[in-house]
Amino acid sequence: MNSPPTMIVCDKHKKEVSFLCAKDNELICGICAIKDHSSHIQEIKEITVDQLKKHSTLLSGHLDKIEDHLRKLK
């Protein structure tokens, strides 16, 4: 059975994240883009849930490798 897609929300407005502010390296919602990051407009990139899932999977793999390496160092 497929689980419903997880919605990623911004901490400030509790709205779905749909942008990345490259200047601040922050995932942001539309309200954040207008209110808090409007001077960064050239550095705001629209993102999709599929892109976030792909990056999340890659990061998870990297974290697993780091954890394995740290265990071996102990």
PDB file of N, CA and C in Angstrom:
ATOM      1  N   MET A   1       0.841  -1.181   0.000  1.00  0.00           N
ATOM      2  CA  MET A   1       0.000   0.000   0.000  1.00  0.00           C
ATOM      3  C   MET A   1       0.885   1.244   0.000  1.00  0.00           C
ATOM      4  N   ASN A   2       0.589   2.193  -0.851  1.00  0.00           N
ATOM      5  CA  ASN A   2       1.368   3.426  -0.922  1.00  0.00           C
ATOM      6  C   ASN A   2       0.926   4.393   0.155  1.00  0.00           C
ATOM      7  N   SER A   3       1.907   4.992   0.808  1.00  0.00           N
ATOM      8  CA  SER A   3       1.567   5.998   1.811  1.00  0.00           C
ATOM      9  C   SER A   3       1.391   7.344   1.122  1.00  0.00           C
ATOM     10  N   PRO A   4       0.582   8.214   1.692  1.00  0.00           N
ATOM     11  CA  PRO A   4       0.378   9.524   1.062  1.00  0.00           C
ATOM     12  C   PRO A   4       1.682  10.305   1.050  1.00  0.00           C
ATOM     13  N   PRO A   5       1.886  11.147   0.033  1.00  0.00           N
ATOM     14  CA  PRO A   5       3.123  11.910  -0.025  1.00  0.00           C
ATOM     15  C   PRO A   5       3.257  12.822   1.195  1.00  0.00           C
ATOM     16  N   THR A   6       4.465  12.923   1.687  1.00  0.00           N
ATOM     17  CA  THR A   6       4.742  13.787   2.825  1.00  0.00           C
ATOM     18  C   THR A   6       4.889  15.218   2.340  1.00  0.00           C
ATOM     19  N   MET A   7       4.180  16.112   2.980  1.00  0.00           N
ATOM     20  CA  MET A   7       4.276  17.517   2.613  1.00  0.00           C
ATOM     21  C   MET A   7       5.339  18.160   3.496  1.00  0.00           C
ATOM     22  N   ILE A   8       6.257  18.863   2.872  1.00  0.00           N
ATOM     23  CA  ILE A   8       7.298  19.572   3.606  1.00  0.00           C
ATOM     24  C   ILE A   8       6.828  21.006   3.762  1.00  0.00           C
ATOM     25  N   VAL A   9       6.786  21.472   5.008  1.00  0.00           N
ATOM     26  CA  VAL A   9       6.265  22.811   5.277  1.00  0.00           C
ATOM     27  C   VAL A   9       7.356  23.696   5.870  1.00  0.00           C
ATOM     28  N   CYS A  10       7.217  24.998   5.652  1.00  0.00           N
ATOM     29  CA  CYS A  10       8.166  25.940   6.254  1.00  0.00           C
ATOM     30  C   CYS A  10       7.835  26.052   7.738  1.00  0.00           C
ATOM     31  N   ASP A  11       8.859  26.296   8.522  1.00  0.00           N
ATOM     32  CA  ASP A  11       8.681  26.402   9.974  1.00  0.00           C
ATOM     33  C   ASP A  11       7.898  27.647  10.366  1.00  0.00           C
ATOM     34  N   LYS A  12       8.068  28.707   9.605  1.00  0.00           N
ATOM     35  CA  LYS A  12       7.496  29.997   9.979  1.00  0.00           C
ATOM     36  C   LYS A  12       5.997  30.104   9.696  1.00  0.00           C
ATOM     37  N   HIS A  13       5.574  29.673   8.491  1.00  0.00           N
ATOM     38  CA  HIS A  13       4.180  29.878   8.082  1.00  0.00           C
ATOM     39  C   HIS A  13       3.352  28.593   8.001  1.00  0.00           C
ATOM     40  N   LYS A  14       4.006  27.468   8.176  1.00  0.00           N
ATOM     41  CA  LYS A  14       3.335  26.164   8.107  1.00  0.00           C
ATOM     42  C   LYS A  14       2.651  25.950   6.753  1.00  0.00           C
ATOM     43  N   LYS A  15       3.243  26.520   5.709  1.00  0.00           N
ATOM     44  CA  LYS A  15       2.759  26.351   4.336  1.00  0.00           C
ATOM     45  C   LYS A  15       3.721  25.429   3.602  1.00  0.00           C
ATOM     46  N   GLU A  16       3.220  24.784   2.540  1.00  0.00           N
ATOM     47  CA  GLU A  16       4.058  23.870   1.775  1.00  0.00           C
ATOM     48  C   GLU A  16       5.254  24.595   1.162  1.00  0.00           C
ATOM     49  N   VAL A  17       6.416  24.003   1.305  1.00  0.00           N
ATOM     50  CA  VAL A  17       7.643  24.533   0.729  1.00  0.00           C
ATOM     51  C   VAL A  17       7.605  24.318  -0.780  1.00  0.00           C
ATOM     52  N   SER A  18       7.926  25.370  -1.527  1.00  0.00           N
ATOM     53  CA  SER A  18       7.966  25.215  -2.982  1.00  0.00           C
ATOM     54  C   SER A  18       9.121  25.976  -3.616  1.00  0.00           C
ATOM     55  N   PHE A  19       9.986  26.567  -2.786  1.00  0.00           N
ATOM     56  CA  PHE A  19      11.114  27.337  -3.299  1.00  0.00           C
ATOM     57  C   PHE A  19      12.361  27.055  -2.469  1.00  0.00           C
ATOM     58  N   LEU A  20      13.498  27.308  -3.091  1.00  0.00           N
ATOM     59  CA  LEU A  20      14.779  27.272  -2.410  1.00  0.00           C
ATOM     60  C   LEU A  20      15.416  28.635  -2.582  1.00  0.00           C
ATOM     61  N   CYS A  21      15.754  29.269  -1.484  1.00  0.00           N
ATOM     62  CA  CYS A  21      16.518  30.518  -1.545  1.00  0.00           C
ATOM     63  C   CYS A  21      17.984  30.111  -1.538  1.00  0.00           C
ATOM     64  N   ALA A  22      18.622  30.234  -2.698  1.00  0.00           N
ATOM     65  CA  ALA A  22      20.020  29.816  -2.830  1.00  0.00           C
ATOM     66  C   ALA A  22      20.944  30.703  -2.008  1.00  0.00           C
ATOM     67  N   LYS A  23      20.577  31.958  -1.836  1.00  0.00           N
ATOM     68  CA  LYS A  23      21.420  32.869  -1.046  1.00  0.00           C
ATOM     69  C   LYS A  23      21.504  32.399   0.404  1.00  0.00           C
ATOM     70  N   ASP A  24      20.361  32.028   0.978  1.00  0.00           N
ATOM     71  CA  ASP A  24      20.313  31.597   2.376  1.00  0.00           C
ATOM     72  C   ASP A  24      20.357  30.083   2.538  1.00  0.00           C
ATOM     73  N   ASN A  25      20.334  29.348   1.407  1.00  0.00           N
ATOM     74  CA  ASN A  25      20.304  27.884   1.421  1.00  0.00           C
ATOM     75  C   ASN A  25      19.170  27.387   2.315  1.00  0.00           C
ATOM     76  N   GLU A  26      17.972  27.923   2.047  1.00  0.00           N
ATOM     77  CA  GLU A  26      16.792  27.650   2.859  1.00  0.00           C
ATOM     78  C   GLU A  26      15.620  27.244   1.983  1.00  0.00           C
ATOM     79  N   LEU A  27      14.876  26.228   2.425  1.00  0.00           N
ATOM     80  CA  LEU A  27      13.617  25.884   1.772  1.00  0.00           C
ATOM     81  C   LEU A  27      12.560  26.829   2.304  1.00  0.00           C
ATOM     82  N   ILE A  28      11.786  27.426   1.392  1.00  0.00           N
ATOM     83  CA  ILE A  28      10.823  28.445   1.813  1.00  0.00           C
ATOM     84  C   ILE A  28       9.487  28.256   1.097  1.00  0.00           C
ATOM     85  N   CYS A  29       8.442  28.824   1.696  1.00  0.00           N
ATOM     86  CA  CYS A  29       7.115  28.819   1.078  1.00  0.00           C
ATOM     87  C   CYS A  29       6.941  30.110   0.268  1.00  0.00           C
ATOM     88  N   GLY A  30       5.814  30.247  -0.389  1.00  0.00           N
ATOM     89  CA  GLY A  30       5.539  31.439  -1.179  1.00  0.00           C
ATOM     90  C   GLY A  30       5.477  32.704  -0.344  1.00  0.00           C
ATOM     91  N   ILE A  31       4.948  32.593   0.868  1.00  0.00           N
ATOM     92  CA  ILE A  31       4.867  33.763   1.746  1.00  0.00           C
ATOM     93  C   ILE A  31       6.275  34.218   2.136  1.00  0.00           C
ATOM     94  N   CYS A  32       7.134  33.266   2.481  1.00  0.00           N
ATOM     95  CA  CYS A  32       8.523  33.602   2.811  1.00  0.00           C
ATOM     96  C   CYS A  32       9.206  34.275   1.620  1.00  0.00           C
ATOM     97  N   ALA A  33       8.946  33.750   0.411  1.00  0.00           N
ATOM     98  CA  ALA A  33       9.585  34.303  -0.792  1.00  0.00           C
ATOM     99  C   ALA A  33       9.232  35.774  -0.965  1.00  0.00           C
ATOM    100  N   ILE A  34       7.974  36.112  -0.689  1.00  0.00           N
ATOM    101  CA  ILE A  34       7.515  37.494  -0.870  1.00  0.00           C
ATOM    102  C   ILE A  34       7.934  38.380   0.304  1.00  0.00           C
ATOM    103  N   LYS A  35       7.724  37.900   1.525  1.00  0.00           N
ATOM    104  CA  LYS A  35       7.957  38.740   2.706  1.00  0.00           C
ATOM    105  C   LYS A  35       9.419  38.813   3.129  1.00  0.00           C
ATOM    106  N   ASP A  36      10.066  37.668   3.238  1.00  0.00           N
ATOM    107  CA  ASP A  36      11.380  37.629   3.876  1.00  0.00           C
ATOM    108  C   ASP A  36      12.559  37.530   2.905  1.00  0.00           C
ATOM    109  N   HIS A  37      12.292  37.125   1.683  1.00  0.00           N
ATOM    110  CA  HIS A  37      13.386  36.883   0.739  1.00  0.00           C
ATOM    111  C   HIS A  37      13.213  37.671  -0.566  1.00  0.00           C
ATOM    112  N   SER A  38      12.384  38.681  -0.554  1.00  0.00           N
ATOM    113  CA  SER A  38      12.099  39.413  -1.791  1.00  0.00           C
ATOM    114  C   SER A  38      13.349  40.057  -2.393  1.00  0.00           C
ATOM    115  N   SER A  39      14.316  40.422  -1.575  1.00  0.00           N
ATOM    116  CA  SER A  39      15.539  41.013  -2.121  1.00  0.00           C
ATOM    117  C   SER A  39      16.462  39.947  -2.729  1.00  0.00           C
ATOM    118  N   HIS A  40      16.126  38.678  -2.546  1.00  0.00           N
ATOM    119  CA  HIS A  40      16.927  37.575  -3.075  1.00  0.00           C
ATOM    120  C   HIS A  40      16.277  36.974  -4.324  1.00  0.00           C
ATOM    121  N   ILE A  41      15.349  37.675  -4.946  1.00  0.00           N
ATOM    122  CA  ILE A  41      14.509  37.109  -6.001  1.00  0.00           C
ATOM    123  C   ILE A  41      15.310  36.399  -7.098  1.00  0.00           C
ATOM    124  N   GLN A  42      16.492  36.901  -7.421  1.00  0.00           N
ATOM    125  CA  GLN A  42      17.311  36.270  -8.463  1.00  0.00           C
ATOM    126  C   GLN A  42      17.856  34.923  -8.001  1.00  0.00           C
ATOM    127  N   GLU A  43      17.863  34.695  -6.708  1.00  0.00           N
ATOM    128  CA  GLU A  43      18.448  33.471  -6.164  1.00  0.00           C
ATOM    129  C   GLU A  43      17.401  32.499  -5.626  1.00  0.00           C
ATOM    130  N   ILE A  44      16.122  32.770  -5.913  1.00  0.00           N
ATOM    131  CA  ILE A  44      15.054  31.881  -5.479  1.00  0.00           C
ATOM    132  C   ILE A  44      14.692  30.962  -6.643  1.00  0.00           C
ATOM    133  N   LYS A  45      14.718  29.662  -6.382  1.00  0.00           N
ATOM    134  CA  LYS A  45      14.461  28.673  -7.413  1.00  0.00           C
ATOM    135  C   LYS A  45      13.250  27.836  -7.019  1.00  0.00           C
ATOM    136  N   GLU A  46      12.347  27.637  -7.959  1.00  0.00           N
ATOM    137  CA  GLU A  46      11.191  26.790  -7.696  1.00  0.00           C
ATOM    138  C   GLU A  46      11.642  25.339  -7.641  1.00  0.00           C
ATOM    139  N   ILE A  47      11.104  24.598  -6.694  1.00  0.00           N
ATOM    140  CA  ILE A  47      11.452  23.193  -6.537  1.00  0.00           C
ATOM    141  C   ILE A  47      10.183  22.358  -6.484  1.00  0.00           C
ATOM    142  N   THR A  48      10.328  21.075  -6.736  1.00  0.00           N
ATOM    143  CA  THR A  48       9.185  20.169  -6.678  1.00  0.00           C
ATOM    144  C   THR A  48       9.405  19.143  -5.571  1.00  0.00           C
ATOM    145  N   VAL A  49       8.326  18.514  -5.170  1.00  0.00           N
ATOM    146  CA  VAL A  49       8.412  17.478  -4.144  1.00  0.00           C
ATOM    147  C   VAL A  49       9.303  16.343  -4.643  1.00  0.00           C
ATOM    148  N   ASP A  50       9.219  15.999  -5.937  1.00  0.00           N
ATOM    149  CA  ASP A  50      10.068  14.936  -6.475  1.00  0.00           C
ATOM    150  C   ASP A  50      11.553  15.280  -6.335  1.00  0.00           C
ATOM    151  N   GLN A  51      11.902  16.542  -6.577  1.00  0.00           N
ATOM    152  CA  GLN A  51      13.295  16.960  -6.412  1.00  0.00           C
ATOM    153  C   GLN A  51      13.720  16.829  -4.955  1.00  0.00           C
ATOM    154  N   LEU A  52      12.841  17.238  -4.048  1.00  0.00           N
ATOM    155  CA  LEU A  52      13.163  17.136  -2.620  1.00  0.00           C
ATOM    156  C   LEU A  52      13.347  15.681  -2.200  1.00  0.00           C
ATOM    157  N   LYS A  53      12.487  14.795  -2.699  1.00  0.00           N
ATOM    158  CA  LYS A  53      12.597  13.377  -2.365  1.00  0.00           C
ATOM    159  C   LYS A  53      13.912  12.804  -2.882  1.00  0.00           C
ATOM    160  N   LYS A  54      14.296  13.196  -4.097  1.00  0.00           N
ATOM    161  CA  LYS A  54      15.546  12.706  -4.683  1.00  0.00           C
ATOM    162  C   LYS A  54      16.729  13.148  -3.828  1.00  0.00           C
ATOM    163  N   HIS A  55      16.765  14.415  -3.471  1.00  0.00           N
ATOM    164  CA  HIS A  55      17.862  14.929  -2.652  1.00  0.00           C
ATOM    165  C   HIS A  55      17.847  14.299  -1.267  1.00  0.00           C
ATOM    166  N   SER A  56      16.669  14.081  -0.718  1.00  0.00           N
ATOM    167  CA  SER A  56      16.551  13.461   0.591  1.00  0.00           C
ATOM    168  C   SER A  56      17.126  12.046   0.570  1.00  0.00           C
ATOM    169  N   THR A  57      16.833  11.308  -0.484  1.00  0.00           N
ATOM    170  CA  THR A  57      17.349   9.946  -0.625  1.00  0.00           C
ATOM    171  C   THR A  57      18.869   9.958  -0.727  1.00  0.00           C
ATOM    172  N   LEU A  58      19.412  10.884  -1.521  1.00  0.00           N
ATOM    173  CA  LEU A  58      20.863  10.995  -1.660  1.00  0.00           C
ATOM    174  C   LEU A  58      21.519  11.347  -0.335  1.00  0.00           C
ATOM    175  N   LEU A  59      20.938  12.312   0.382  1.00  0.00           N
ATOM    176  CA  LEU A  59      21.492  12.717   1.673  1.00  0.00           C
ATOM    177  C   LEU A  59      21.439  11.580   2.681  1.00  0.00           C
ATOM    178  N   SER A  60      20.359  10.827   2.655  1.00  0.00           N
ATOM    179  CA  SER A  60      20.222   9.704   3.572  1.00  0.00           C
ATOM    180  C   SER A  60      21.323   8.675   3.318  1.00  0.00           C
ATOM    181  N   GLY A  61      21.626   8.428   2.053  1.00  0.00           N
ATOM    182  CA  GLY A  61      22.707   7.503   1.708  1.00  0.00           C
ATOM    183  C   GLY A  61      24.047   8.006   2.198  1.00  0.00           C
ATOM    184  N   HIS A  62      24.294   9.298   2.053  1.00  0.00           N
ATOM    185  CA  HIS A  62      25.545   9.884   2.531  1.00  0.00           C
ATOM    186  C   HIS A  62      25.647   9.777   4.051  1.00  0.00           C
ATOM    187  N   LEU A  63      24.546  10.035   4.732  1.00  0.00           N
ATOM    188  CA  LEU A  63      24.554   9.943   6.193  1.00  0.00           C
ATOM    189  C   LEU A  63      24.833   8.521   6.658  1.00  0.00           C
ATOM    190  N   ASP A  64      24.266   7.541   5.956  1.00  0.00           N
ATOM    191  CA  ASP A  64      24.522   6.141   6.305  1.00  0.00           C
ATOM    192  C   ASP A  64      26.011   5.816   6.183  1.00  0.00           C
ATOM    193  N   LYS A  65      26.641   6.300   5.118  1.00  0.00           N
ATOM    194  CA  LYS A  65      28.072   6.053   4.917  1.00  0.00           C
ATOM    195  C   LYS A  65      28.904   6.724   6.002  1.00  0.00           C
ATOM    196  N   ILE A  66      28.522   7.934   6.375  1.00  0.00           N
ATOM    197  CA  ILE A  66      29.244   8.650   7.430  1.00  0.00           C
ATOM    198  C   ILE A  66      29.103   7.919   8.762  1.00  0.00           C
ATOM    199  N   GLU A  67      27.892   7.460   9.067  1.00  0.00           N
ATOM    200  CA  GLU A  67      27.674   6.723  10.309  1.00  0.00           C
ATOM    201  C   GLU A  67      28.506   5.448  10.336  1.00  0.00           C
ATOM    202  N   ASP A  68      28.552   4.725   9.214  1.00  0.00           N
ATOM    203  CA  ASP A  68      29.377   3.497   9.136  1.00  0.00           C
ATOM    204  C   ASP A  68      30.846   3.827   9.389  1.00  0.00           C
ATOM    205  N   HIS A  69      31.301   4.897   8.772  1.00  0.00           N
ATOM    206  CA  HIS A  69      32.703   5.308   8.928  1.00  0.00           C
ATOM    207  C   HIS A  69      32.999   5.657  10.389  1.00  0.00           C
ATOM    208  N   LEU A  70      32.084   6.390  11.024  1.00  0.00           N
ATOM    209  CA  LEU A  70      32.281   6.764  12.427  1.00  0.00           C
ATOM    210  C   LEU A  70      32.289   5.534  13.345  1.00  0.00           C
ATOM    211  N   ARG A  71      31.434   4.563  13.048  1.00  0.00           N
ATOM    212  CA  ARG A  71      31.425   3.330  13.847  1.00  0.00           C
ATOM    213  C   ARG A  71      32.759   2.608  13.751  1.00  0.00           C
ATOM    214  N   LYS A  72      33.325   2.599  12.555  1.00  0.00           N
ATOM    215  CA  LYS A  72      34.614   1.924  12.348  1.00  0.00           C
ATOM    216  C   LYS A  72      35.740   2.636  13.075  1.00  0.00           C
ATOM    217  N   LEU A  73      35.626   3.955  13.234  1.00  0.00           N
ATOM    218  CA  LEU A  73      36.660   4.725  13.911  1.00  0.00           C
ATOM    219  C   LEU A  73      36.662   4.496  15.421  1.00  0.00           C
ATOM    220  N   LYS A  74      35.527   4.083  15.968  1.00  0.00           N
ATOM    221  CA  LYS A  74      35.427   3.893  17.436  1.00  0.00           C
ATOM    222  C   LYS A  74      36.175   2.702  17.883  1.00  0.00           C
TER     223      LYS A  74
END
